[in-house]
Amino acid sequence: MTSVTVYGPGCKRCETTARMVSEAAAKLGIEVEIEKVTDARAIAMAGVISTPGLAVDGRLVHAGGLPDPAKLEGWLAA
């Protein structure tokens, strides 16, 4: 199972990012566990300067704005 963390205050872009992860995982046939981190201190400690941030299996792969769908699929498939 792939672990995905979405970092952000719970804004619309953060929710959209989580939905994009779910949709990409379903498309690829990958089982994912999505964790949402909304605590500002935890977000900063993860190295996310601009939200939403996205980590796959503990590795920060994106920060700021919605992720590119093709890149998202690549991160999940790796």
C-alpha atoms as a PDB file:
ATOM      1  CA  MET A   1       0.000   0.000   0.000  1.00  0.00           C
ATOM      2  CA  THR A   2       1.243   3.461  -0.897  1.00  0.00           C
ATOM      3  CA  SER A   3       1.122   6.103   1.823  1.00  0.00           C
ATOM      4  CA  VAL A   4       0.225   9.624   0.663  1.00  0.00           C
ATOM      5  CA  THR A   5       0.196  12.723   2.843  1.00  0.00           C
ATOM      6  CA  VAL A   6      -1.574  15.924   1.784  1.00  0.00           C
ATOM      7  CA  TYR A   7      -0.293  18.976   3.677  1.00  0.00           C
ATOM      8  CA  GLY A   8      -2.521  22.034   3.879  1.00  0.00           C
ATOM      9  CA  PRO A   9      -5.053  23.951   5.956  1.00  0.00           C
ATOM     10  CA  GLY A  10      -8.033  22.083   4.494  1.00  0.00           C
ATOM     11  CA  CYS A  11      -8.702  24.538   1.677  1.00  0.00           C
ATOM     12  CA  LYS A  12     -10.450  23.715  -1.592  1.00  0.00           C
ATOM     13  CA  ARG A  13      -7.107  23.075  -3.357  1.00  0.00           C
ATOM     14  CA  CYS A  14      -6.078  20.670  -0.598  1.00  0.00           C
ATOM     15  CA  GLU A  15      -9.345  18.746  -0.925  1.00  0.00           C
ATOM     16  CA  THR A  16      -8.960  18.700  -4.717  1.00  0.00           C
ATOM     17  CA  THR A  17      -5.414  17.357  -4.366  1.00  0.00           C
ATOM     18  CA  ALA A  18      -6.640  14.514  -2.124  1.00  0.00           C
ATOM     19  CA  ARG A  19      -9.382  13.700  -4.636  1.00  0.00           C
ATOM     20  CA  MET A  20      -6.830  13.745  -7.494  1.00  0.00           C
ATOM     21  CA  VAL A  21      -4.694  11.237  -5.569  1.00  0.00           C
ATOM     22  CA  SER A  22      -7.686   8.938  -5.063  1.00  0.00           C
ATOM     23  CA  GLU A  23      -8.683   9.139  -8.724  1.00  0.00           C
ATOM     24  CA  ALA A  24      -5.123   8.561  -9.994  1.00  0.00           C
ATOM     25  CA  ALA A  25      -4.667   5.588  -7.674  1.00  0.00           C
ATOM     26  CA  ALA A  26      -7.945   4.055  -8.837  1.00  0.00           C
ATOM     27  CA  LYS A  27      -6.933   4.571 -12.470  1.00  0.00           C
ATOM     28  CA  LEU A  28      -3.591   2.845 -11.840  1.00  0.00           C
ATOM     29  CA  GLY A  29      -5.085   0.105  -9.666  1.00  0.00           C
ATOM     30  CA  ILE A  30      -2.932   1.137  -6.708  1.00  0.00           C
ATOM     31  CA  GLU A  31      -4.148   0.987  -3.119  1.00  0.00           C
ATOM     32  CA  VAL A  32      -3.363   4.211  -1.248  1.00  0.00           C
ATOM     33  CA  GLU A  33      -3.770   5.456   2.285  1.00  0.00           C
ATOM     34  CA  ILE A  34      -4.285   9.235   2.342  1.00  0.00           C
ATOM     35  CA  GLU A  35      -3.440  11.246   5.434  1.00  0.00           C
ATOM     36  CA  LYS A  36      -4.344  14.929   5.658  1.00  0.00           C
ATOM     37  CA  VAL A  37      -2.101  17.128   7.798  1.00  0.00           C
ATOM     38  CA  THR A  38      -3.627  20.511   8.661  1.00  0.00           C
ATOM     39  CA  ASP A  39      -1.442  21.592  11.598  1.00  0.00           C
ATOM     40  CA  ALA A  40       0.678  24.591  10.523  1.00  0.00           C
ATOM     41  CA  ARG A  41       3.658  23.506  12.613  1.00  0.00           C
ATOM     42  CA  ALA A  42       3.624  19.957  11.174  1.00  0.00           C
ATOM     43  CA  ILE A  43       3.317  21.381   7.650  1.00  0.00           C
ATOM     44  CA  ALA A  44       6.347  23.609   8.197  1.00  0.00           C
ATOM     45  CA  MET A  45       8.365  20.783   9.777  1.00  0.00           C
ATOM     46  CA  ALA A  46       7.691  18.663   6.678  1.00  0.00           C
ATOM     47  CA  GLY A  47       9.375  21.370   4.583  1.00  0.00           C
ATOM     48  CA  VAL A  48       6.210  22.534   2.850  1.00  0.00           C
ATOM     49  CA  ILE A  49       6.522  26.252   2.145  1.00  0.00           C
ATOM     50  CA  SER A  50       3.454  26.585  -0.066  1.00  0.00           C
ATOM     51  CA  THR A  51       0.316  24.451   0.223  1.00  0.00           C
ATOM     52  CA  PRO A  52      -0.978  22.078  -0.776  1.00  0.00           C
ATOM     53  CA  GLY A  53       2.025  19.839  -0.278  1.00  0.00           C
ATOM     54  CA  LEU A  54       2.149  16.190  -1.229  1.00  0.00           C
ATOM     55  CA  ALA A  55       4.364  13.400   0.081  1.00  0.00           C
ATOM     56  CA  VAL A  56       4.417   9.857  -1.281  1.00  0.00           C
ATOM     57  CA  ASP A  57       5.802   7.188   1.053  1.00  0.00           C
ATOM     58  CA  GLY A  58       7.342   9.894   3.234  1.00  0.00           C
ATOM     59  CA  ARG A  59       9.069  11.770   0.404  1.00  0.00           C
ATOM     60  CA  LEU A  60       7.887  15.310  -0.358  1.00  0.00           C
ATOM     61  CA  VAL A  61       7.215  15.404  -4.099  1.00  0.00           C
ATOM     62  CA  HIS A  62       5.141  18.574  -4.566  1.00  0.00           C
ATOM     63  CA  ALA A  63       4.331  21.876  -2.904  1.00  0.00           C
ATOM     64  CA  GLY A  64       2.167  24.794  -4.014  1.00  0.00           C
ATOM     65  CA  GLY A  65      -0.858  24.544  -6.271  1.00  0.00           C
ATOM     66  CA  LEU A  66      -2.479  21.489  -7.770  1.00  0.00           C
ATOM     67  CA  PRO A  67      -0.106  18.744  -8.913  1.00  0.00           C
ATOM     68  CA  ASP A  68       0.166  17.892 -12.602  1.00  0.00           C
ATOM     69  CA  PRO A  69      -1.975  14.761 -13.180  1.00  0.00           C
ATOM     70  CA  ALA A  70       0.708  12.992 -15.244  1.00  0.00           C
ATOM     71  CA  LYS A  71       3.381  13.655 -12.618  1.00  0.00           C
ATOM     72  CA  LEU A  72       0.999  12.525  -9.881  1.00  0.00           C
ATOM     73  CA  GLU A  73       0.508   9.195 -11.629  1.00  0.00           C
ATOM     74  CA  GLY A  74       4.297   8.851 -11.961  1.00  0.00           C
ATOM     75  CA  TRP A  75       4.841   9.501  -8.269  1.00  0.00           C
ATOM     76  CA  LEU A  76       2.220   6.933  -7.312  1.00  0.00           C
ATOM     77  CA  ALA A  77       3.491   4.313  -9.751  1.00  0.00           C
ATOM     78  CA  ALA A  78       7.149   4.615  -8.667  1.00  0.00           C
END
